[in-house]
Amino acid sequence: MLTYAAKLTETPAAMEQGDVEALRDAGFTDRDILDIAQVVAYYAYANRIADGLGIELEPWIPTDG
């Protein structure tokens, strides 16, 4: 799941049917896979909106990766 999420985040154009099949092989249902994709996509969307509007992090949020 984390490999799928990282790939979808970092290189979305490289996603293939095999990525979904790997999740199925690991026991995830199609509904699970949809939920994973939606959560990953939502965070990408929310972060791009925040970045695009120049929103700064709260001072209590660590920024040292």
N, C-alpha and C. Protein backbone atom coordinates (compact mmCIF):
# COMPACT_ATOMS: atom_id res chain seq x y z
N MET A 1 0.82 -1.19 0.00
CA MET A 1 0.00 0.00 0.00
C MET A 1 0.87 1.25 0.00
N LEU A 2 1.90 1.27 0.81
CA LEU A 2 2.75 2.46 0.88
C LEU A 2 3.55 2.65 -0.40
N THR A 3 3.97 1.56 -1.02
CA THR A 3 4.66 1.65 -2.31
C THR A 3 3.74 2.27 -3.35
N TYR A 4 2.50 1.80 -3.37
CA TYR A 4 1.49 2.34 -4.29
C TYR A 4 1.28 3.83 -4.02
N ALA A 5 1.10 4.19 -2.75
CA ALA A 5 0.85 5.58 -2.39
C ALA A 5 2.02 6.48 -2.77
N ALA A 6 3.24 6.01 -2.52
CA ALA A 6 4.42 6.81 -2.87
C ALA A 6 4.52 6.99 -4.38
N LYS A 7 4.29 5.92 -5.12
CA LYS A 7 4.38 6.02 -6.59
C LYS A 7 3.31 6.95 -7.13
N LEU A 8 2.09 6.84 -6.62
CA LEU A 8 1.01 7.72 -7.07
C LEU A 8 1.31 9.17 -6.75
N THR A 9 1.96 9.42 -5.64
CA THR A 9 2.32 10.78 -5.25
C THR A 9 3.47 11.33 -6.08
N GLU A 10 4.51 10.53 -6.25
CA GLU A 10 5.75 11.02 -6.86
C GLU A 10 5.76 10.92 -8.38
N THR A 11 5.15 9.89 -8.94
CA THR A 11 5.18 9.70 -10.40
C THR A 11 3.82 9.19 -10.89
N PRO A 12 2.78 10.00 -10.77
CA PRO A 12 1.44 9.52 -11.10
C PRO A 12 1.29 9.04 -12.55
N ALA A 13 2.02 9.63 -13.47
CA ALA A 13 1.91 9.21 -14.87
C ALA A 13 2.48 7.81 -15.10
N ALA A 14 3.26 7.31 -14.16
CA ALA A 14 3.88 5.99 -14.31
C ALA A 14 3.01 4.85 -13.75
N MET A 15 1.84 5.20 -13.21
CA MET A 15 0.97 4.16 -12.65
C MET A 15 0.50 3.22 -13.74
N GLU A 16 0.44 1.93 -13.40
CA GLU A 16 0.03 0.90 -14.35
C GLU A 16 -0.97 -0.04 -13.68
N GLN A 17 -1.65 -0.82 -14.48
CA GLN A 17 -2.59 -1.80 -13.95
C GLN A 17 -1.89 -2.74 -12.98
N GLY A 18 -0.62 -3.01 -13.21
CA GLY A 18 0.13 -3.88 -12.32
C GLY A 18 0.22 -3.35 -10.90
N ASP A 19 0.19 -2.04 -10.75
CA ASP A 19 0.21 -1.45 -9.41
C ASP A 19 -1.07 -1.81 -8.65
N VAL A 20 -2.18 -1.80 -9.34
CA VAL A 20 -3.46 -2.18 -8.74
C VAL A 20 -3.47 -3.68 -8.46
N GLU A 21 -2.97 -4.45 -9.41
CA GLU A 21 -2.93 -5.91 -9.24
C GLU A 21 -2.08 -6.30 -8.03
N ALA A 22 -0.99 -5.57 -7.79
CA ALA A 22 -0.14 -5.86 -6.63
C ALA A 22 -0.92 -5.65 -5.33
N LEU A 23 -1.78 -4.65 -5.30
CA LEU A 23 -2.60 -4.43 -4.11
C LEU A 23 -3.62 -5.55 -3.94
N ARG A 24 -4.22 -5.96 -5.04
CA ARG A 24 -5.17 -7.09 -4.97
C ARG A 24 -4.46 -8.34 -4.47
N ASP A 25 -3.27 -8.59 -5.00
CA ASP A 25 -2.49 -9.77 -4.59
C ASP A 25 -2.16 -9.72 -3.10
N ALA A 26 -2.04 -8.51 -2.56
CA ALA A 26 -1.74 -8.35 -1.13
C ALA A 26 -2.99 -8.45 -0.27
N GLY A 27 -4.15 -8.63 -0.90
CA GLY A 27 -5.38 -8.82 -0.14
C GLY A 27 -6.32 -7.64 -0.08
N PHE A 28 -5.98 -6.55 -0.75
CA PHE A 28 -6.85 -5.38 -0.74
C PHE A 28 -8.01 -5.59 -1.71
N THR A 29 -9.20 -5.17 -1.30
CA THR A 29 -10.36 -5.24 -2.18
C THR A 29 -10.35 -4.05 -3.12
N ASP A 30 -11.21 -4.10 -4.13
CA ASP A 30 -11.31 -2.96 -5.03
C ASP A 30 -11.76 -1.70 -4.28
N ARG A 31 -12.63 -1.86 -3.30
CA ARG A 31 -13.06 -0.72 -2.49
C ARG A 31 -11.88 -0.16 -1.69
N ASP A 32 -11.05 -1.05 -1.13
CA ASP A 32 -9.86 -0.60 -0.41
C ASP A 32 -8.95 0.20 -1.33
N ILE A 33 -8.76 -0.30 -2.54
CA ILE A 33 -7.86 0.36 -3.49
C ILE A 33 -8.40 1.73 -3.88
N LEU A 34 -9.71 1.81 -4.06
CA LEU A 34 -10.33 3.10 -4.35
C LEU A 34 -10.10 4.06 -3.19
N ASP A 35 -10.31 3.59 -1.98
CA ASP A 35 -10.09 4.44 -0.80
C ASP A 35 -8.64 4.92 -0.72
N ILE A 36 -7.70 4.03 -0.96
CA ILE A 36 -6.27 4.40 -0.93
C ILE A 36 -6.01 5.49 -1.96
N ALA A 37 -6.47 5.28 -3.19
CA ALA A 37 -6.23 6.26 -4.26
C ALA A 37 -6.88 7.60 -3.92
N GLN A 38 -8.07 7.57 -3.35
CA GLN A 38 -8.75 8.82 -3.03
C GLN A 38 -8.04 9.58 -1.91
N VAL A 39 -7.55 8.89 -0.91
CA VAL A 39 -6.84 9.57 0.19
C VAL A 39 -5.54 10.18 -0.34
N VAL A 40 -4.80 9.43 -1.13
CA VAL A 40 -3.56 9.94 -1.71
C VAL A 40 -3.85 11.17 -2.58
N ALA A 41 -4.88 11.06 -3.42
CA ALA A 41 -5.23 12.17 -4.32
C ALA A 41 -5.69 13.39 -3.53
N TYR A 42 -6.46 13.17 -2.46
CA TYR A 42 -6.94 14.29 -1.66
C TYR A 42 -5.77 15.06 -1.05
N TYR A 43 -4.80 14.33 -0.49
CA TYR A 43 -3.67 15.02 0.13
C TYR A 43 -2.84 15.76 -0.91
N ALA A 44 -2.68 15.18 -2.10
CA ALA A 44 -1.97 15.88 -3.17
C ALA A 44 -2.71 17.17 -3.53
N TYR A 45 -4.02 17.07 -3.66
CA TYR A 45 -4.85 18.23 -3.99
C TYR A 45 -4.74 19.30 -2.90
N ALA A 46 -4.93 18.90 -1.65
CA ALA A 46 -4.90 19.87 -0.56
C ALA A 46 -3.55 20.55 -0.44
N ASN A 47 -2.48 19.80 -0.61
CA ASN A 47 -1.14 20.39 -0.54
C ASN A 47 -0.89 21.35 -1.69
N ARG A 48 -1.37 21.04 -2.88
CA ARG A 48 -1.17 21.93 -4.02
C ARG A 48 -1.99 23.21 -3.87
N ILE A 49 -3.17 23.10 -3.32
CA ILE A 49 -3.96 24.30 -3.05
C ILE A 49 -3.23 25.19 -2.04
N ALA A 50 -2.76 24.60 -0.96
CA ALA A 50 -2.04 25.37 0.05
C ALA A 50 -0.78 25.99 -0.53
N ASP A 51 -0.02 25.21 -1.28
CA ASP A 51 1.20 25.75 -1.90
C ASP A 51 0.86 26.85 -2.89
N GLY A 52 -0.18 26.64 -3.69
CA GLY A 52 -0.57 27.62 -4.70
C GLY A 52 -1.05 28.93 -4.11
N LEU A 53 -1.56 28.88 -2.91
CA LEU A 53 -2.03 30.10 -2.25
C LEU A 53 -0.99 30.70 -1.32
N GLY A 54 0.16 30.04 -1.23
CA GLY A 54 1.23 30.57 -0.40
C GLY A 54 0.97 30.43 1.08
N ILE A 55 0.16 29.46 1.46
CA ILE A 55 -0.15 29.26 2.87
C ILE A 55 1.08 28.72 3.59
N GLU A 56 1.43 29.33 4.69
CA GLU A 56 2.59 28.90 5.45
C GLU A 56 2.17 27.93 6.54
N LEU A 57 3.08 27.04 6.90
CA LEU A 57 2.81 26.07 7.95
C LEU A 57 2.68 26.76 9.30
N GLU A 58 1.92 26.14 10.16
CA GLU A 58 1.82 26.62 11.53
C GLU A 58 3.20 26.48 12.17
N PRO A 59 3.57 27.34 13.10
CA PRO A 59 4.91 27.30 13.68
C PRO A 59 5.21 25.99 14.43
N TRP A 60 4.21 25.28 14.88
CA TRP A 60 4.44 24.04 15.64
C TRP A 60 4.67 22.84 14.74
N ILE A 61 4.51 22.99 13.42
CA ILE A 61 4.70 21.87 12.49
C ILE A 61 6.18 21.81 12.09
N PRO A 62 6.84 20.66 12.34
CA PRO A 62 8.25 20.54 11.97
C PRO A 62 8.43 20.54 10.45
N THR A 63 9.49 21.16 9.98
CA THR A 63 9.74 21.25 8.55
C THR A 63 11.03 20.57 8.14
N ASP A 64 11.65 19.84 9.04
CA ASP A 64 12.96 19.24 8.74
C ASP A 64 12.81 17.78 8.33
N GLY A 65 11.84 17.51 7.44
CA GLY A 65 11.58 16.23 6.83
C GLY A 65 11.94 15.06 7.57
